[in-house]
């Protein structure tokens, strides 16, 4: 399976690194393994950015709205906004990215606070 595991993502985050997941993995286009990996990392609060992986309007077009919805269902509204809206703007502005809190069963689909690091 390509990519990194949740354990590796956690180690990277402990060393102030950030994790970007590609949208096709979220949508399951690269298979079950990558999809399960991103879900595990998102639930652990280890995803910071989503990449469109768009190549052109015809071949692999950007479909970020599908990824936003999947992320929102998995980690909640506030985490989806932080990862897909606020963090890209912060990255371009040279500001610190937001880190989201881990998801527990009771928080799925609910609003959760995020912290700035």
PDB file of N, CA and C in Angstrom:
ATOM      1  N   UNK A   1       0.839  -1.176   0.000  1.00  0.00           N
ATOM      2  CA  UNK A   1       0.000   0.000   0.000  1.00  0.00           C
ATOM      3  C   UNK A   1       0.883   1.238   0.000  1.00  0.00           C
ATOM      4  N   UNK A   2       0.671   2.156  -0.931  1.00  0.00           N
ATOM      5  CA  UNK A   2       1.460   3.381  -0.953  1.00  0.00           C
ATOM      6  C   UNK A   2       1.051   4.317   0.172  1.00  0.00           C
ATOM      7  N   UNK A   3       1.915   5.267   0.484  1.00  0.00           N
ATOM      8  CA  UNK A   3       1.576   6.261   1.492  1.00  0.00           C
ATOM      9  C   UNK A   3       2.165   5.923   2.844  1.00  0.00           C
ATOM     10  N   UNK A   4       1.612   6.561   3.871  1.00  0.00           N
ATOM     11  CA  UNK A   4       2.125   6.361   5.219  1.00  0.00           C
ATOM     12  C   UNK A   4       1.029   5.842   6.128  1.00  0.00           C
ATOM     13  N   UNK A   5       1.436   5.199   7.194  1.00  0.00           N
ATOM     14  CA  UNK A   5       0.482   4.670   8.162  1.00  0.00           C
ATOM     15  C   UNK A   5       0.120   5.744   9.181  1.00  0.00           C
ATOM     16  N   UNK A   6      -0.922   5.494   9.940  1.00  0.00           N
ATOM     17  CA  UNK A   6      -1.314   6.431  11.005  1.00  0.00           C
ATOM     18  C   UNK A   6      -0.192   6.559  12.032  1.00  0.00           C
ATOM     19  N   UNK A   7       0.512   5.461  12.311  1.00  0.00           N
ATOM     20  CA  UNK A   7       1.627   5.515  13.257  1.00  0.00           C
ATOM     21  C   UNK A   7       2.740   6.436  12.766  1.00  0.00           C
ATOM     22  N   UNK A   8       3.055   6.360  11.482  1.00  0.00           N
ATOM     23  CA  UNK A   8       4.076   7.233  10.906  1.00  0.00           C
ATOM     24  C   UNK A   8       3.592   8.676  10.912  1.00  0.00           C
ATOM     25  N   UNK A   9       2.311   8.892  10.586  1.00  0.00           N
ATOM     26  CA  UNK A   9       1.757  10.248  10.602  1.00  0.00           C
ATOM     27  C   UNK A   9       1.845  10.844  11.998  1.00  0.00           C
ATOM     28  N   UNK A  10       1.576  10.037  13.008  1.00  0.00           N
ATOM     29  CA  UNK A  10       1.671  10.501  14.392  1.00  0.00           C
ATOM     30  C   UNK A  10       3.107  10.892  14.722  1.00  0.00           C
ATOM     31  N   UNK A  11       4.067  10.086  14.302  1.00  0.00           N
ATOM     32  CA  UNK A  11       5.478  10.401  14.533  1.00  0.00           C
ATOM     33  C   UNK A  11       5.863  11.699  13.826  1.00  0.00           C
ATOM     34  N   UNK A  12       5.399  11.879  12.609  1.00  0.00           N
ATOM     35  CA  UNK A  12       5.685  13.111  11.879  1.00  0.00           C
ATOM     36  C   UNK A  12       5.101  14.320  12.601  1.00  0.00           C
ATOM     37  N   UNK A  13       3.856  14.192  13.065  1.00  0.00           N
ATOM     38  CA  UNK A  13       3.222  15.308  13.756  1.00  0.00           C
ATOM     39  C   UNK A  13       3.961  15.648  15.050  1.00  0.00           C
ATOM     40  N   UNK A  14       4.439  14.651  15.756  1.00  0.00           N
ATOM     41  CA  UNK A  14       5.197  14.893  16.982  1.00  0.00           C
ATOM     42  C   UNK A  14       6.465  15.694  16.701  1.00  0.00           C
ATOM     43  N   UNK A  15       6.918  15.641  15.458  1.00  0.00           N
ATOM     44  CA  UNK A  15       8.111  16.374  15.049  1.00  0.00           C
ATOM     45  C   UNK A  15       7.750  17.600  14.207  1.00  0.00           C
ATOM     46  N   UNK A  16       6.549  18.127  14.433  1.00  0.00           N
ATOM     47  CA  UNK A  16       6.049  19.347  13.788  1.00  0.00           C
ATOM     48  C   UNK A  16       5.938  19.257  12.270  1.00  0.00           C
ATOM     49  N   UNK A  17       5.716  18.074  11.747  1.00  0.00           N
ATOM     50  CA  UNK A  17       5.450  17.911  10.320  1.00  0.00           C
ATOM     51  C   UNK A  17       3.936  17.882  10.117  1.00  0.00           C
ATOM     52  N   UNK A  18       3.500  18.117   8.900  1.00  0.00           N
ATOM     53  CA  UNK A  18       2.084  18.101   8.583  1.00  0.00           C
ATOM     54  C   UNK A  18       1.814  17.041   7.535  1.00  0.00           C
ATOM     55  N   UNK A  19       0.586  16.521   7.523  1.00  0.00           N
ATOM     56  CA  UNK A  19       0.210  15.450   6.602  1.00  0.00           C
ATOM     57  C   UNK A  19      -0.844  15.968   5.631  1.00  0.00           C
ATOM     58  N   UNK A  20      -0.583  15.731   4.345  1.00  0.00           N
ATOM     59  CA  UNK A  20      -1.525  16.071   3.280  1.00  0.00           C
ATOM     60  C   UNK A  20      -2.003  14.765   2.656  1.00  0.00           C
ATOM     61  N   UNK A  21      -3.302  14.636   2.488  1.00  0.00           N
ATOM     62  CA  UNK A  21      -3.898  13.448   1.881  1.00  0.00           C
ATOM     63  C   UNK A  21      -4.465  13.842   0.524  1.00  0.00           C
ATOM     64  N   UNK A  22      -4.323  12.967  -0.448  1.00  0.00           N
ATOM     65  CA  UNK A  22      -4.846  13.259  -1.779  1.00  0.00           C
ATOM     66  C   UNK A  22      -6.335  12.904  -1.867  1.00  0.00           C
ATOM     67  N   UNK A  23      -7.105  13.761  -2.516  1.00  0.00           N
ATOM     68  CA  UNK A  23      -8.559  13.598  -2.603  1.00  0.00           C
ATOM     69  C   UNK A  23      -8.984  12.239  -3.173  1.00  0.00           C
ATOM     70  N   UNK A  24      -8.343  11.715  -4.219  1.00  0.00           N
ATOM     71  CA  UNK A  24      -8.766  10.413  -4.724  1.00  0.00           C
ATOM     72  C   UNK A  24      -8.672   9.293  -3.683  1.00  0.00           C
ATOM     73  N   UNK A  25      -7.737   9.370  -2.761  1.00  0.00           N
ATOM     74  CA  UNK A  25      -7.646   8.363  -1.696  1.00  0.00           C
ATOM     75  C   UNK A  25      -8.868   8.460  -0.788  1.00  0.00           C
ATOM     76  N   UNK A  26      -9.309   9.682  -0.502  1.00  0.00           N
ATOM     77  CA  UNK A  26     -10.487   9.894   0.340  1.00  0.00           C
ATOM     78  C   UNK A  26     -11.725   9.322  -0.337  1.00  0.00           C
ATOM     79  N   UNK A  27     -11.788   9.476  -1.635  1.00  0.00           N
ATOM     80  CA  UNK A  27     -12.947   9.010  -2.401  1.00  0.00           C
ATOM     81  C   UNK A  27     -12.879   7.517  -2.725  1.00  0.00           C
ATOM     82  N   UNK A  28     -11.803   6.844  -2.310  1.00  0.00           N
ATOM     83  CA  UNK A  28     -11.667   5.413  -2.539  1.00  0.00           C
ATOM     84  C   UNK A  28     -11.178   5.047  -3.918  1.00  0.00           C
ATOM     85  N   UNK A  29     -10.691   6.024  -4.697  1.00  0.00           N
ATOM     86  CA  UNK A  29     -10.264   5.752  -6.063  1.00  0.00           C
ATOM     87  C   UNK A  29      -8.951   4.985  -6.153  1.00  0.00           C
ATOM     88  N   UNK A  30      -8.188   4.927  -5.063  1.00  0.00           N
ATOM     89  CA  UNK A  30      -6.934   4.176  -5.045  1.00  0.00           C
ATOM     90  C   UNK A  30      -7.086   2.853  -4.316  1.00  0.00           C
ATOM     91  N   UNK A  31      -8.314   2.487  -4.005  1.00  0.00           N
ATOM     92  CA  UNK A  31      -8.565   1.212  -3.353  1.00  0.00           C
ATOM     93  C   UNK A  31      -8.888   1.354  -1.872  1.00  0.00           C
ATOM     94  N   UNK A  32      -9.194   0.216  -1.302  1.00  0.00           N
ATOM     95  CA  UNK A  32      -9.622   0.163   0.098  1.00  0.00           C
ATOM     96  C   UNK A  32      -8.508   0.501   1.084  1.00  0.00           C
ATOM     97  N   UNK A  33      -7.293   0.036   0.831  1.00  0.00           N
ATOM     98  CA  UNK A  33      -6.180   0.274   1.763  1.00  0.00           C
ATOM     99  C   UNK A  33      -5.901   1.751   1.988  1.00  0.00           C
ATOM    100  N   UNK A  34      -5.660   2.529   0.927  1.00  0.00           N
ATOM    101  CA  UNK A  34      -5.431   3.961   1.116  1.00  0.00           C
ATOM    102  C   UNK A  34      -6.631   4.678   1.749  1.00  0.00           C
ATOM    103  N   UNK A  35      -7.852   4.245   1.394  1.00  0.00           N
ATOM    104  CA  UNK A  35      -9.030   4.877   1.990  1.00  0.00           C
ATOM    105  C   UNK A  35      -9.081   4.621   3.488  1.00  0.00           C
ATOM    106  N   UNK A  36      -8.811   3.399   3.909  1.00  0.00           N
ATOM    107  CA  UNK A  36      -8.830   3.075   5.338  1.00  0.00           C
ATOM    108  C   UNK A  36      -7.706   3.812   6.066  1.00  0.00           C
ATOM    109  N   UNK A  37      -6.549   3.969   5.419  1.00  0.00           N
ATOM    110  CA  UNK A  37      -5.430   4.686   6.039  1.00  0.00           C
ATOM    111  C   UNK A  37      -5.782   6.143   6.305  1.00  0.00           C
ATOM    112  N   UNK A  38      -6.372   6.829   5.313  1.00  0.00           N
ATOM    113  CA  UNK A  38      -6.701   8.240   5.530  1.00  0.00           C
ATOM    114  C   UNK A  38      -7.780   8.363   6.600  1.00  0.00           C
ATOM    115  N   UNK A  39      -8.739   7.433   6.624  1.00  0.00           N
ATOM    116  CA  UNK A  39      -9.788   7.496   7.642  1.00  0.00           C
ATOM    117  C   UNK A  39      -9.188   7.362   9.040  1.00  0.00           C
ATOM    118  N   UNK A  40      -8.268   6.426   9.197  1.00  0.00           N
ATOM    119  CA  UNK A  40      -7.605   6.224  10.483  1.00  0.00           C
ATOM    120  C   UNK A  40      -6.830   7.478  10.892  1.00  0.00           C
ATOM    121  N   UNK A  41      -6.111   8.064   9.944  1.00  0.00           N
ATOM    122  CA  UNK A  41      -5.344   9.280  10.246  1.00  0.00           C
ATOM    123  C   UNK A  41      -6.267  10.446  10.558  1.00  0.00           C
ATOM    124  N   UNK A  42      -7.365  10.591   9.814  1.00  0.00           N
ATOM    125  CA  UNK A  42      -8.300  11.691  10.064  1.00  0.00           C
ATOM    126  C   UNK A  42      -8.949  11.540  11.438  1.00  0.00           C
ATOM    127  N   UNK A  43      -9.337  10.337  11.794  1.00  0.00           N
ATOM    128  CA  UNK A  43      -9.943  10.097  13.106  1.00  0.00           C
ATOM    129  C   UNK A  43      -8.958  10.411  14.232  1.00  0.00           C
ATOM    130  N   UNK A  44      -7.674  10.207  13.965  1.00  0.00           N
ATOM    131  CA  UNK A  44      -6.647  10.482  14.972  1.00  0.00           C
ATOM    132  C   UNK A  44      -6.237  11.953  15.001  1.00  0.00           C
ATOM    133  N   UNK A  45      -6.822  12.774  14.118  1.00  0.00           N
ATOM    134  CA  UNK A  45      -6.471  14.197  14.062  1.00  0.00           C
ATOM    135  C   UNK A  45      -5.129  14.443  13.404  1.00  0.00           C
ATOM    136  N   UNK A  46      -4.723  13.550  12.499  1.00  0.00           N
ATOM    137  CA  UNK A  46      -3.388  13.623  11.897  1.00  0.00           C
ATOM    138  C   UNK A  46      -3.394  14.092  10.443  1.00  0.00           C
ATOM    139  N   UNK A  47      -4.529  14.559   9.936  1.00  0.00           N
ATOM    140  CA  UNK A  47      -4.604  15.088   8.573  1.00  0.00           C
ATOM    141  C   UNK A  47      -4.725  16.597   8.670  1.00  0.00           C
ATOM    142  N   UNK A  48      -3.890  17.303   7.894  1.00  0.00           N
ATOM    143  CA  UNK A  48      -3.853  18.764   7.980  1.00  0.00           C
ATOM    144  C   UNK A  48      -4.250  19.467   6.692  1.00  0.00           C
ATOM    145  N   UNK A  49      -4.092  18.794   5.552  1.00  0.00           N
ATOM    146  CA  UNK A  49      -4.391  19.378   4.240  1.00  0.00           C
ATOM    147  C   UNK A  49      -4.916  18.280   3.319  1.00  0.00           C
ATOM    148  N   UNK A  50      -5.718  18.681   2.317  1.00  0.00           N
ATOM    149  CA  UNK A  50      -6.199  17.766   1.284  1.00  0.00           C
ATOM    150  C   UNK A  50      -5.727  18.302  -0.065  1.00  0.00           C
ATOM    151  N   UNK A  51      -5.137  17.422  -0.875  1.00  0.00           N
ATOM    152  CA  UNK A  51      -4.669  17.795  -2.216  1.00  0.00           C
ATOM    153  C   UNK A  51      -5.682  17.337  -3.247  1.00  0.00           C
ATOM    154  N   UNK A  52      -5.927  18.154  -4.266  1.00  0.00           N
ATOM    155  CA  UNK A  52      -6.902  17.793  -5.298  1.00  0.00           C
ATOM    156  C   UNK A  52      -6.386  16.668  -6.186  1.00  0.00           C
ATOM    157  N   UNK A  53      -5.107  16.595  -6.441  1.00  0.00           N
ATOM    158  CA  UNK A  53      -4.490  15.641  -7.361  1.00  0.00           C
ATOM    159  C   UNK A  53      -5.086  15.778  -8.758  1.00  0.00           C
ATOM    160  N   UNK A  54      -5.563  16.978  -9.079  1.00  0.00           N
ATOM    161  CA  UNK A  54      -6.166  17.231 -10.383  1.00  0.00           C
ATOM    162  C   UNK A  54      -5.073  17.324 -11.450  1.00  0.00           C
ATOM    163  N   UNK A  55      -5.341  16.697 -12.564  1.00  0.00           N
ATOM    164  CA  UNK A  55      -4.406  16.753 -13.680  1.00  0.00           C
ATOM    165  C   UNK A  55      -4.948  17.635 -14.798  1.00  0.00           C
ATOM    166  N   UNK A  56      -6.265  17.606 -15.002  1.00  0.00           N
ATOM    167  CA  UNK A  56      -6.919  18.449 -15.997  1.00  0.00           C
ATOM    168  C   UNK A  56      -8.423  18.377 -15.754  1.00  0.00           C
ATOM    169  N   UNK A  57      -9.165  19.189 -16.477  1.00  0.00           N
ATOM    170  CA  UNK A  57     -10.621  19.168 -16.323  1.00  0.00           C
ATOM    171  C   UNK A  57     -11.210  17.852 -16.817  1.00  0.00           C
ATOM    172  N   UNK A  58     -10.547  17.213 -17.780  1.00  0.00           N
ATOM    173  CA  UNK A  58     -11.061  15.965 -18.340  1.00  0.00           C
ATOM    174  C   UNK A  58     -10.497  14.724 -17.686  1.00  0.00           C
ATOM    175  N   UNK A  59      -9.179  14.724 -17.444  1.00  0.00           N
ATOM    176  CA  UNK A  59      -8.525  13.565 -16.833  1.00  0.00           C
ATOM    177  C   UNK A  59      -8.245  13.872 -15.367  1.00  0.00           C
ATOM    178  N   UNK A  60      -8.899  13.172 -14.496  1.00  0.00           N
ATOM    179  CA  UNK A  60      -8.757  13.356 -13.060  1.00  0.00           C
ATOM    180  C   UNK A  60      -9.031  14.807 -12.645  1.00  0.00           C
ATOM    181  N   UNK A  61     -10.255  15.287 -12.872  1.00  0.00           N
ATOM    182  CA  UNK A  61     -10.583  16.677 -12.501  1.00  0.00           C
ATOM    183  C   UNK A  61     -10.648  16.843 -10.990  1.00  0.00           C
ATOM    184  N   UNK A  62     -10.515  18.070 -10.504  1.00  0.00           N
ATOM    185  CA  UNK A  62     -10.620  18.279  -9.056  1.00  0.00           C
ATOM    186  C   UNK A  62     -12.042  18.002  -8.596  1.00  0.00           C
ATOM    187  N   UNK A  63     -12.161  17.216  -7.565  1.00  0.00           N
ATOM    188  CA  UNK A  63     -13.474  16.888  -7.005  1.00  0.00           C
ATOM    189  C   UNK A  63     -13.415  17.058  -5.491  1.00  0.00           C
ATOM    190  N   UNK A  64     -13.013  18.223  -5.067  1.00  0.00           N
ATOM    191  CA  UNK A  64     -12.819  18.455  -3.643  1.00  0.00           C
ATOM    192  C   UNK A  64     -14.115  18.475  -2.854  1.00  0.00           C
ATOM    193  N   UNK A  65     -15.231  18.788  -3.483  1.00  0.00           N
ATOM    194  CA  UNK A  65     -16.489  18.814  -2.732  1.00  0.00           C
ATOM    195  C   UNK A  65     -16.835  17.418  -2.201  1.00  0.00           C
ATOM    196  N   UNK A  66     -16.543  16.379  -2.963  1.00  0.00           N
ATOM    197  CA  UNK A  66     -16.783  15.009  -2.492  1.00  0.00           C
ATOM    198  C   UNK A  66     -15.884  14.689  -1.303  1.00  0.00           C
ATOM    199  N   UNK A  67     -14.639  15.142  -1.368  1.00  0.00           N
ATOM    200  CA  UNK A  67     -13.703  14.899  -0.269  1.00  0.00           C
ATOM    201  C   UNK A  67     -14.108  15.684   0.970  1.00  0.00           C
ATOM    202  N   UNK A  68     -14.558  16.913   0.766  1.00  0.00           N
ATOM    203  CA  UNK A  68     -15.010  17.738   1.900  1.00  0.00           C
ATOM    204  C   UNK A  68     -16.163  17.044   2.618  1.00  0.00           C
ATOM    205  N   UNK A  69     -17.113  16.543   1.855  1.00  0.00           N
ATOM    206  CA  UNK A  69     -18.274  15.879   2.457  1.00  0.00           C
ATOM    207  C   UNK A  69     -17.856  14.613   3.209  1.00  0.00           C
ATOM    208  N   UNK A  70     -16.958  13.831   2.634  1.00  0.00           N
ATOM    209  CA  UNK A  70     -16.481  12.617   3.308  1.00  0.00           C
ATOM    210  C   UNK A  70     -15.750  12.972   4.605  1.00  0.00           C
ATOM    211  N   UNK A  71     -14.923  13.992   4.552  1.00  0.00           N
ATOM    212  CA  UNK A  71     -14.193  14.431   5.737  1.00  0.00           C
ATOM    213  C   UNK A  71     -15.146  14.982   6.793  1.00  0.00           C
ATOM    214  N   UNK A  72     -16.144  15.737   6.358  1.00  0.00           N
ATOM    215  CA  UNK A  72     -17.129  16.298   7.286  1.00  0.00           C
ATOM    216  C   UNK A  72     -17.891  15.188   8.008  1.00  0.00           C
ATOM    217  N   UNK A  73     -18.293  14.160   7.265  1.00  0.00           N
ATOM    218  CA  UNK A  73     -19.010  13.037   7.887  1.00  0.00           C
ATOM    219  C   UNK A  73     -18.127  12.293   8.876  1.00  0.00           C
ATOM    220  N   UNK A  74     -16.854  12.156   8.559  1.00  0.00           N
ATOM    221  CA  UNK A  74     -15.944  11.389   9.400  1.00  0.00           C
ATOM    222  C   UNK A  74     -15.462  12.167  10.621  1.00  0.00           C
ATOM    223  N   UNK A  75     -15.083  13.427  10.427  1.00  0.00           N
ATOM    224  CA  UNK A  75     -14.422  14.180  11.500  1.00  0.00           C
ATOM    225  C   UNK A  75     -15.216  15.381  12.005  1.00  0.00           C
ATOM    226  N   UNK A  76     -16.316  15.727  11.349  1.00  0.00           N
ATOM    227  CA  UNK A  76     -17.139  16.842  11.803  1.00  0.00           C
ATOM    228  C   UNK A  76     -16.938  18.096  10.972  1.00  0.00           C
ATOM    229  N   UNK A  77     -17.893  19.010  11.110  1.00  0.00           N
ATOM    230  CA  UNK A  77     -17.898  20.255  10.329  1.00  0.00           C
ATOM    231  C   UNK A  77     -16.661  21.106  10.573  1.00  0.00           C
ATOM    232  N   UNK A  78     -16.324  21.306  11.822  1.00  0.00           N
ATOM    233  CA  UNK A  78     -15.220  22.212  12.142  1.00  0.00           C
ATOM    234  C   UNK A  78     -13.881  21.663  11.655  1.00  0.00           C
ATOM    235  N   UNK A  79     -13.676  20.363  11.803  1.00  0.00           N
ATOM    236  CA  UNK A  79     -12.428  19.763  11.319  1.00  0.00           C
ATOM    237  C   UNK A  79     -12.341  19.865   9.799  1.00  0.00           C
ATOM    238  N   UNK A  80     -13.454  19.617   9.103  1.00  0.00           N
ATOM    239  CA  UNK A  80     -13.457  19.716   7.638  1.00  0.00           C
ATOM    240  C   UNK A  80     -13.121  21.137   7.198  1.00  0.00           C
ATOM    241  N   UNK A  81     -13.705  22.126   7.853  1.00  0.00           N
ATOM    242  CA  UNK A  81     -13.398  23.526   7.515  1.00  0.00           C
ATOM    243  C   UNK A  81     -11.929  23.853   7.783  1.00  0.00           C
ATOM    244  N   UNK A  82     -11.412  23.393   8.917  1.00  0.00           N
ATOM    245  CA  UNK A  82     -10.009  23.670   9.256  1.00  0.00           C
ATOM    246  C   UNK A  82      -9.070  23.052   8.220  1.00  0.00           C
ATOM    247  N   UNK A  83      -9.312  21.807   7.862  1.00  0.00           N
ATOM    248  CA  UNK A  83      -8.420  21.069   6.961  1.00  0.00           C
ATOM    249  C   UNK A  83      -8.536  21.543   5.515  1.00  0.00           C
ATOM    250  N   UNK A  84      -9.745  21.796   5.056  1.00  0.00           N
ATOM    251  CA  UNK A  84      -9.928  22.072   3.631  1.00  0.00           C
ATOM    252  C   UNK A  84     -10.083  23.545   3.281  1.00  0.00           C
ATOM    253  N   UNK A  85     -10.390  24.383   4.254  1.00  0.00           N
ATOM    254  CA  UNK A  85     -10.557  25.807   3.958  1.00  0.00           C
ATOM    255  C   UNK A  85      -9.529  26.678   4.677  1.00  0.00           C
ATOM    256  N   UNK A  86      -9.456  26.527   5.985  1.00  0.00           N
ATOM    257  CA  UNK A  86      -8.581  27.404   6.762  1.00  0.00           C
ATOM    258  C   UNK A  86      -7.100  27.080   6.584  1.00  0.00           C
ATOM    259  N   UNK A  87      -6.732  25.810   6.622  1.00  0.00           N
ATOM    260  CA  UNK A  87      -5.308  25.471   6.522  1.00  0.00           C
ATOM    261  C   UNK A  87      -4.674  25.837   5.184  1.00  0.00           C
ATOM    262  N   UNK A  88      -5.351  25.629   4.048  1.00  0.00           N
ATOM    263  CA  UNK A  88      -4.736  26.089   2.795  1.00  0.00           C
ATOM    264  C   UNK A  88      -4.473  27.600   2.797  1.00  0.00           C
ATOM    265  N   UNK A  89      -5.431  28.379   3.324  1.00  0.00           N
ATOM    266  CA  UNK A  89      -5.242  29.832   3.386  1.00  0.00           C
ATOM    267  C   UNK A  89      -4.089  30.180   4.325  1.00  0.00           C
ATOM    268  N   UNK A  90      -3.997  29.478   5.441  1.00  0.00           N
ATOM    269  CA  UNK A  90      -2.904  29.723   6.387  1.00  0.00           C
ATOM    270  C   UNK A  90      -1.551  29.368   5.770  1.00  0.00           C
ATOM    271  N   UNK A  91      -1.514  28.283   5.019  1.00  0.00           N
ATOM    272  CA  UNK A  91      -0.265  27.864   4.379  1.00  0.00           C
ATOM    273  C   UNK A  91       0.231  28.944   3.430  1.00  0.00           C
ATOM    274  N   UNK A  92      -0.657  29.475   2.597  1.00  0.00           N
ATOM    275  CA  UNK A  92      -0.268  30.521   1.652  1.00  0.00           C
ATOM    276  C   UNK A  92       0.110  31.820   2.346  1.00  0.00           C
ATOM    277  N   UNK A  93      -0.482  32.062   3.505  1.00  0.00           N
ATOM    278  CA  UNK A  93      -0.182  33.291   4.257  1.00  0.00           C
ATOM    279  C   UNK A  93       1.045  33.140   5.151  1.00  0.00           C
ATOM    280  N   UNK A  94       1.627  31.944   5.185  1.00  0.00           N
ATOM    281  CA  UNK A  94       2.799  31.722   6.024  1.00  0.00           C
ATOM    282  C   UNK A  94       2.472  31.604   7.502  1.00  0.00           C
ATOM    283  N   UNK A  95       1.229  31.267   7.828  1.00  0.00           N
ATOM    284  CA  UNK A  95       0.808  31.118   9.224  1.00  0.00           C
ATOM    285  C   UNK A  95       0.840  29.651   9.623  1.00  0.00           C
ATOM    286  N   UNK A  96       0.841  29.418  10.943  1.00  0.00           N
ATOM    287  CA  UNK A  96       0.797  28.049  11.448  1.00  0.00           C
ATOM    288  C   UNK A  96      -0.529  27.404  11.092  1.00  0.00           C
ATOM    289  N   UNK A  97      -0.472  26.116  10.763  1.00  0.00           N
ATOM    290  CA  UNK A  97      -1.683  25.380  10.424  1.00  0.00           C
ATOM    291  C   UNK A  97      -2.425  24.970  11.687  1.00  0.00           C
ATOM    292  N   UNK A  98      -3.724  24.794  11.532  1.00  0.00           N
ATOM    293  CA  UNK A  98      -4.547  24.288  12.626  1.00  0.00           C
ATOM    294  C   UNK A  98      -4.393  22.782  12.699  1.00  0.00           C
ATOM    295  N   UNK A  99      -4.404  22.262  13.895  1.00  0.00           N
ATOM    296  CA  UNK A  99      -4.414  20.814  14.113  1.00  0.00           C
ATOM    297  C   UNK A  99      -5.768  20.476  14.719  1.00  0.00           C
ATOM    298  N   UNK A 100      -6.381  19.413  14.254  1.00  0.00           N
ATOM    299  CA  UNK A 100      -7.696  19.033  14.749  1.00  0.00           C
ATOM    300  C   UNK A 100      -7.564  17.999  15.862  1.00  0.00           C
ATOM    301  N   UNK A 101      -8.560  17.956  16.704  1.00  0.00           N
ATOM    302  CA  UNK A 101      -8.590  16.986  17.799  1.00  0.00           C
ATOM    303  C   UNK A 101      -8.984  15.618  17.259  1.00  0.00           C
ATOM    304  N   UNK A 102      -8.513  14.550  17.893  1.00  0.00           N
ATOM    305  CA  UNK A 102      -8.939  13.204  17.479  1.00  0.00           C
ATOM    306  C   UNK A 102     -10.446  13.041  17.609  1.00  0.00           C
ATOM    307  N   UNK A 103     -10.992  12.200  16.774  1.00  0.00           N
ATOM    308  CA  UNK A 103     -12.422  11.927  16.759  1.00  0.00           C
ATOM    309  C   UNK A 103     -12.710  10.748  17.679  1.00  0.00           C
ATOM    310  N   UNK A 104     -13.724  10.884  18.482  1.00  0.00           N
ATOM    311  CA  UNK A 104     -14.237   9.731  19.229  1.00  0.00           C
ATOM    312  C   UNK A 104     -15.627   9.447  18.689  1.00  0.00           C
ATOM    313  N   UNK A 105     -16.170   8.321  18.973  1.00  0.00           N
ATOM    314  CA  UNK A 105     -17.478   7.946  18.453  1.00  0.00           C
ATOM    315  C   UNK A 105     -18.542   9.015  18.731  1.00  0.00           C
ATOM    316  N   UNK A 106     -18.503   9.624  19.894  1.00  0.00           N
ATOM    317  CA  UNK A 106     -19.547  10.590  20.238  1.00  0.00           C
ATOM    318  C   UNK A 106     -19.431  11.883  19.441  1.00  0.00           C
ATOM    319  N   UNK A 107     -18.255  12.150  18.822  1.00  0.00           N
ATOM    320  CA  UNK A 107     -18.057  13.408  18.104  1.00  0.00           C
ATOM    321  C   UNK A 107     -18.345  13.316  16.616  1.00  0.00           C
ATOM    322  N   UNK A 108     -18.502  12.131  16.066  1.00  0.00           N
ATOM    323  CA  UNK A 108     -18.655  11.987  14.621  1.00  0.00           C
ATOM    324  C   UNK A 108     -19.842  12.824  14.132  1.00  0.00           C
ATOM    325  N   UNK A 109     -19.569  13.705  13.175  1.00  0.00           N
ATOM    326  CA  UNK A 109     -20.586  14.568  12.605  1.00  0.00           C
ATOM    327  C   UNK A 109     -20.907  15.788  13.450  1.00  0.00           C
ATOM    328  N   UNK A 110     -20.311  15.895  14.624  1.00  0.00           N
ATOM    329  CA  UNK A 110     -20.586  17.035  15.505  1.00  0.00           C
ATOM    330  C   UNK A 110     -19.492  18.077  15.383  1.00  0.00           C
ATOM    331  N   UNK A 111     -19.749  19.255  15.891  1.00  0.00           N
ATOM    332  CA  UNK A 111     -18.735  20.308  15.901  1.00  0.00           C
ATOM    333  C   UNK A 111     -17.767  20.068  17.054  1.00  0.00           C
ATOM    334  N   UNK A 112     -16.498  20.168  16.768  1.00  0.00           N
ATOM    335  CA  UNK A 112     -15.466  19.999  17.781  1.00  0.00           C
ATOM    336  C   UNK A 112     -14.510  21.170  17.684  1.00  0.00           C
ATOM    337  N   UNK A 113     -13.976  21.600  18.784  1.00  0.00           N
ATOM    338  CA  UNK A 113     -13.001  22.702  18.724  1.00  0.00           C
ATOM    339  C   UNK A 113     -11.698  22.215  18.120  1.00  0.00           C
ATOM    340  N   UNK A 114     -10.977  23.128  17.455  1.00  0.00           N
ATOM    341  CA  UNK A 114      -9.638  22.799  16.968  1.00  0.00           C
ATOM    342  C   UNK A 114      -8.651  23.726  17.640  1.00  0.00           C
ATOM    343  N   UNK A 115      -7.410  23.315  17.624  1.00  0.00           N
ATOM    344  CA  UNK A 115      -6.392  24.109  18.294  1.00  0.00           C
ATOM    345  C   UNK A 115      -5.341  24.557  17.297  1.00  0.00           C
ATOM    346  N   UNK A 116      -4.779  25.715  17.528  1.00  0.00           N
ATOM    347  CA  UNK A 116      -3.721  26.239  16.683  1.00  0.00           C
ATOM    348  C   UNK A 116      -2.393  25.817  17.264  1.00  0.00           C
ATOM    349  N   UNK A 117      -1.479  25.354  16.397  1.00  0.00           N
ATOM    350  CA  UNK A 117      -0.158  24.928  16.853  1.00  0.00           C
ATOM    351  C   UNK A 117       0.897  25.624  16.040  1.00  0.00           C
TER     352      UNK A 117
END
